[in-house]
Structures are given as C-alpha cells and as structure tokens.
Amino acid sequence: MSRTVVKPKRQSWRVHLSRPIQVRNGPKLETLADVRDFILAEPGHVQDRPLWQLAAAALLDAAENGGPIALATRRMENALFLQARWGSK
C-alpha cells in the first residue's frame, strides 16, 4: 500500500498580514514581503536578537510552509515593540 505525502500549502510572499503594522517613523507593513524587506534592512546586530530571529522564523514558516499568518504578524509586532522600548542600540 502506498502512502500519499501531503505537503503543506506554500503561500506567497504577497500574502497580507493578519493586520497592517505601522512602524513608528517608518513604513506600513502589509504583506509578508514587506516584513521580509524590513527585517533584511535592519543592521545585523538587530537581526541577531532572539525576538527578531523568532519573527523571521515565523515569517519564513508562513511564506514557505503555509504556517500561521497571525503568528508571523504577532511576532513582528513583539519585536518592534521591544525594539522601541529598549532602543535600537
């Protein structure tokens, strides 16, 4: 008997976030691609922070594996909130 392997649905980088994110003094992030571009534009020391790593992992999971968009949105909001609170040093 052969088994059928069901691959997760791959989404597009053009998929919209659960809700738009307005970055203070910055762009409005509406799609997974917007978030990707925003993270990649951050300095390396910011990208290396654990919360940014979690946001990036959720983003990749959403775009590449059909993971939950709401999780990617929330992780990005958390990273931005804490960056604003702690400063972007």
N, C-alpha and C. Protein backbone atom coordinates (compact mmCIF):
# COMPACT_ATOMS: atom_id res chain seq x y z
N MET A 1 0.84 -1.17 0.00
CA MET A 1 0.00 0.00 0.00
C MET A 1 0.89 1.24 0.00
N SER A 2 0.66 2.14 -0.91
CA SER A 2 1.46 3.37 -0.97
C SER A 2 0.80 4.47 -0.14
N ARG A 3 1.64 5.28 0.42
CA ARG A 3 1.14 6.40 1.23
C ARG A 3 1.30 7.69 0.44
N THR A 4 0.34 8.52 0.55
CA THR A 4 0.41 9.82 -0.08
C THR A 4 0.92 10.82 0.94
N VAL A 5 1.98 11.49 0.57
CA VAL A 5 2.54 12.53 1.44
C VAL A 5 1.91 13.85 1.04
N VAL A 6 1.31 14.50 2.03
CA VAL A 6 0.67 15.79 1.78
C VAL A 6 1.63 16.87 2.23
N LYS A 7 2.06 17.67 1.29
CA LYS A 7 2.95 18.79 1.62
C LYS A 7 2.11 19.96 2.11
N PRO A 8 2.65 20.73 3.06
CA PRO A 8 1.93 21.92 3.50
C PRO A 8 1.75 22.88 2.32
N LYS A 9 0.68 23.62 2.39
CA LYS A 9 0.39 24.60 1.34
C LYS A 9 1.41 25.74 1.41
N ARG A 10 2.10 25.96 0.34
CA ARG A 10 3.06 27.06 0.27
C ARG A 10 2.30 28.33 -0.07
N GLN A 11 2.55 29.36 0.70
CA GLN A 11 1.91 30.64 0.46
C GLN A 11 2.87 31.55 -0.29
N SER A 12 2.38 32.64 -0.69
CA SER A 12 3.18 33.61 -1.41
C SER A 12 3.68 34.68 -0.45
N TRP A 13 4.81 35.28 -0.81
CA TRP A 13 5.31 36.41 -0.04
C TRP A 13 4.37 37.60 -0.15
N ARG A 14 3.43 37.55 -1.09
CA ARG A 14 2.47 38.66 -1.27
C ARG A 14 1.26 38.55 -0.34
N VAL A 15 1.20 37.49 0.45
CA VAL A 15 0.08 37.30 1.37
C VAL A 15 0.08 38.43 2.40
N HIS A 16 -1.11 38.93 2.71
CA HIS A 16 -1.25 40.02 3.68
C HIS A 16 -1.13 39.51 5.11
N LEU A 17 -0.60 40.34 5.96
CA LEU A 17 -0.53 40.05 7.38
C LEU A 17 -1.95 40.01 7.96
N SER A 18 -2.09 39.52 9.18
CA SER A 18 -3.40 39.50 9.84
C SER A 18 -3.97 40.90 9.97
N ARG A 19 -3.08 41.84 10.17
CA ARG A 19 -3.44 43.26 10.26
C ARG A 19 -2.19 44.05 9.88
N PRO A 20 -2.35 45.21 9.26
CA PRO A 20 -1.18 46.02 8.91
C PRO A 20 -0.44 46.47 10.16
N ILE A 21 0.86 46.64 10.03
CA ILE A 21 1.70 47.11 11.13
C ILE A 21 2.31 48.44 10.69
N GLN A 22 2.01 49.49 11.43
CA GLN A 22 2.60 50.79 11.15
C GLN A 22 3.84 50.94 12.03
N VAL A 23 5.00 51.00 11.41
CA VAL A 23 6.25 51.16 12.15
C VAL A 23 6.41 52.64 12.49
N ARG A 24 6.71 52.91 13.75
CA ARG A 24 6.90 54.30 14.17
C ARG A 24 8.02 54.92 13.36
N ASN A 25 7.75 56.06 12.76
CA ASN A 25 8.72 56.76 11.90
C ASN A 25 9.23 55.86 10.77
N GLY A 26 8.36 54.99 10.29
CA GLY A 26 8.78 54.06 9.24
C GLY A 26 7.61 53.65 8.36
N PRO A 27 7.80 52.58 7.63
CA PRO A 27 6.79 52.15 6.67
C PRO A 27 5.61 51.43 7.31
N LYS A 28 4.59 51.27 6.53
CA LYS A 28 3.45 50.45 6.91
C LYS A 28 3.69 49.07 6.30
N LEU A 29 3.72 48.05 7.15
CA LEU A 29 3.97 46.69 6.70
C LEU A 29 2.63 45.99 6.51
N GLU A 30 2.37 45.55 5.29
CA GLU A 30 1.09 44.93 4.99
C GLU A 30 1.19 43.49 4.52
N THR A 31 2.34 43.10 3.96
CA THR A 31 2.49 41.75 3.42
C THR A 31 3.71 41.07 4.03
N LEU A 32 3.80 39.76 3.82
CA LEU A 32 4.98 39.03 4.27
C LEU A 32 6.24 39.61 3.62
N ALA A 33 6.14 40.00 2.35
CA ALA A 33 7.28 40.60 1.66
C ALA A 33 7.70 41.92 2.30
N ASP A 34 6.74 42.72 2.74
CA ASP A 34 7.07 43.97 3.42
C ASP A 34 7.88 43.69 4.68
N VAL A 35 7.46 42.69 5.44
CA VAL A 35 8.16 42.34 6.68
C VAL A 35 9.55 41.81 6.36
N ARG A 36 9.65 40.94 5.36
CA ARG A 36 10.95 40.39 4.95
C ARG A 36 11.91 41.52 4.60
N ASP A 37 11.46 42.45 3.78
CA ASP A 37 12.31 43.56 3.36
C ASP A 37 12.71 44.44 4.54
N PHE A 38 11.78 44.65 5.46
CA PHE A 38 12.07 45.47 6.64
C PHE A 38 13.14 44.80 7.50
N ILE A 39 12.98 43.51 7.76
CA ILE A 39 13.96 42.79 8.60
C ILE A 39 15.33 42.79 7.93
N LEU A 40 15.36 42.54 6.64
CA LEU A 40 16.65 42.49 5.93
C LEU A 40 17.34 43.85 5.88
N ALA A 41 16.59 44.93 6.02
CA ALA A 41 17.17 46.27 6.03
C ALA A 41 17.73 46.66 7.39
N GLU A 42 17.39 45.89 8.43
CA GLU A 42 17.90 46.17 9.78
C GLU A 42 19.37 45.78 9.86
N PRO A 43 20.14 46.46 10.71
CA PRO A 43 21.55 46.08 10.89
C PRO A 43 21.66 44.64 11.42
N GLY A 44 22.79 44.01 11.14
CA GLY A 44 23.00 42.63 11.56
C GLY A 44 22.82 42.38 13.04
N HIS A 45 23.29 43.33 13.87
CA HIS A 45 23.17 43.13 15.32
C HIS A 45 21.71 43.15 15.77
N VAL A 46 20.85 43.82 15.03
CA VAL A 46 19.42 43.81 15.34
C VAL A 46 18.82 42.50 14.86
N GLN A 47 19.16 42.07 13.66
CA GLN A 47 18.65 40.81 13.12
C GLN A 47 19.04 39.62 14.00
N ASP A 48 20.16 39.72 14.68
CA ASP A 48 20.65 38.61 15.51
C ASP A 48 19.94 38.49 16.86
N ARG A 49 19.15 39.47 17.24
CA ARG A 49 18.45 39.42 18.52
C ARG A 49 17.41 38.29 18.49
N PRO A 50 17.24 37.61 19.63
CA PRO A 50 16.33 36.46 19.67
C PRO A 50 14.91 36.77 19.20
N LEU A 51 14.35 37.91 19.58
CA LEU A 51 12.98 38.21 19.14
C LEU A 51 12.89 38.44 17.64
N TRP A 52 13.93 39.00 17.06
CA TRP A 52 13.94 39.16 15.60
C TRP A 52 14.11 37.82 14.92
N GLN A 53 14.89 36.93 15.54
CA GLN A 53 15.04 35.59 15.00
C GLN A 53 13.71 34.83 15.03
N LEU A 54 12.95 34.99 16.12
CA LEU A 54 11.62 34.37 16.20
C LEU A 54 10.68 34.94 15.15
N ALA A 55 10.74 36.24 14.95
CA ALA A 55 9.89 36.88 13.94
C ALA A 55 10.25 36.36 12.55
N ALA A 56 11.55 36.27 12.27
CA ALA A 56 12.00 35.79 10.96
C ALA A 56 11.60 34.34 10.74
N ALA A 57 11.70 33.51 11.78
CA ALA A 57 11.33 32.10 11.65
C ALA A 57 9.84 31.95 11.36
N ALA A 58 9.01 32.72 12.05
CA ALA A 58 7.56 32.67 11.82
C ALA A 58 7.23 33.19 10.42
N LEU A 59 7.94 34.20 9.99
CA LEU A 59 7.75 34.76 8.66
C LEU A 59 8.07 33.72 7.58
N LEU A 60 9.22 33.08 7.71
CA LEU A 60 9.61 32.05 6.75
C LEU A 60 8.63 30.88 6.75
N ASP A 61 8.19 30.48 7.94
CA ASP A 61 7.23 29.38 8.03
C ASP A 61 5.93 29.74 7.32
N ALA A 62 5.48 30.97 7.51
CA ALA A 62 4.23 31.40 6.85
C ALA A 62 4.38 31.43 5.34
N ALA A 63 5.49 31.97 4.86
CA ALA A 63 5.68 32.12 3.41
C ALA A 63 6.03 30.81 2.72
N GLU A 64 6.88 30.01 3.34
CA GLU A 64 7.39 28.82 2.68
C GLU A 64 6.59 27.55 2.98
N ASN A 65 5.96 27.48 4.16
CA ASN A 65 5.29 26.24 4.56
C ASN A 65 3.81 26.40 4.83
N GLY A 66 3.27 27.58 4.60
CA GLY A 66 1.85 27.79 4.87
C GLY A 66 1.54 27.93 6.35
N GLY A 67 2.55 28.31 7.13
CA GLY A 67 2.35 28.49 8.58
C GLY A 67 1.39 29.63 8.87
N PRO A 68 1.02 29.77 10.13
CA PRO A 68 0.02 30.77 10.51
C PRO A 68 0.49 32.22 10.32
N ILE A 69 -0.29 32.96 9.56
CA ILE A 69 0.00 34.38 9.31
C ILE A 69 -0.13 35.18 10.61
N ALA A 70 -1.11 34.82 11.43
CA ALA A 70 -1.32 35.54 12.69
C ALA A 70 -0.09 35.45 13.58
N LEU A 71 0.57 34.30 13.60
CA LEU A 71 1.77 34.15 14.42
C LEU A 71 2.90 35.03 13.89
N ALA A 72 3.08 35.04 12.58
CA ALA A 72 4.12 35.90 11.99
C ALA A 72 3.84 37.36 12.28
N THR A 73 2.59 37.77 12.19
CA THR A 73 2.20 39.15 12.47
C THR A 73 2.51 39.50 13.93
N ARG A 74 2.11 38.61 14.84
CA ARG A 74 2.29 38.88 16.27
C ARG A 74 3.77 38.92 16.65
N ARG A 75 4.55 38.01 16.10
CA ARG A 75 5.99 38.01 16.41
C ARG A 75 6.67 39.28 15.92
N MET A 76 6.24 39.78 14.77
CA MET A 76 6.81 41.02 14.25
C MET A 76 6.41 42.19 15.15
N GLU A 77 5.15 42.21 15.56
CA GLU A 77 4.70 43.28 16.48
C GLU A 77 5.50 43.24 17.78
N ASN A 78 5.74 42.05 18.31
CA ASN A 78 6.52 41.93 19.55
C ASN A 78 7.94 42.45 19.38
N ALA A 79 8.58 42.07 18.28
CA ALA A 79 9.95 42.51 18.03
C ALA A 79 10.01 44.03 17.91
N LEU A 80 9.07 44.61 17.19
CA LEU A 80 9.05 46.07 17.03
C LEU A 80 8.78 46.77 18.36
N PHE A 81 7.86 46.22 19.15
CA PHE A 81 7.53 46.82 20.44
C PHE A 81 8.76 46.84 21.35
N LEU A 82 9.43 45.70 21.43
CA LEU A 82 10.58 45.64 22.33
C LEU A 82 11.76 46.45 21.81
N GLN A 83 11.90 46.54 20.51
CA GLN A 83 12.96 47.39 19.95
C GLN A 83 12.69 48.85 20.30
N ALA A 84 11.44 49.27 20.21
CA ALA A 84 11.08 50.65 20.56
C ALA A 84 11.29 50.89 22.06
N ARG A 85 10.96 49.89 22.86
CA ARG A 85 11.09 50.04 24.31
C ARG A 85 12.56 50.07 24.76
N TRP A 86 13.37 49.17 24.19
CA TRP A 86 14.76 49.07 24.59
C TRP A 86 15.68 49.96 23.78
N GLY A 87 15.17 50.48 22.67
CA GLY A 87 16.01 51.26 21.77
C GLY A 87 16.68 50.34 20.77
N SER A 88 17.14 50.89 19.69
CA SER A 88 17.72 50.07 18.61
C SER A 88 19.24 50.06 18.65
N LYS A 89 19.80 50.13 19.84
CA LYS A 89 21.26 50.17 20.02
C LYS A 89 21.90 48.90 19.55
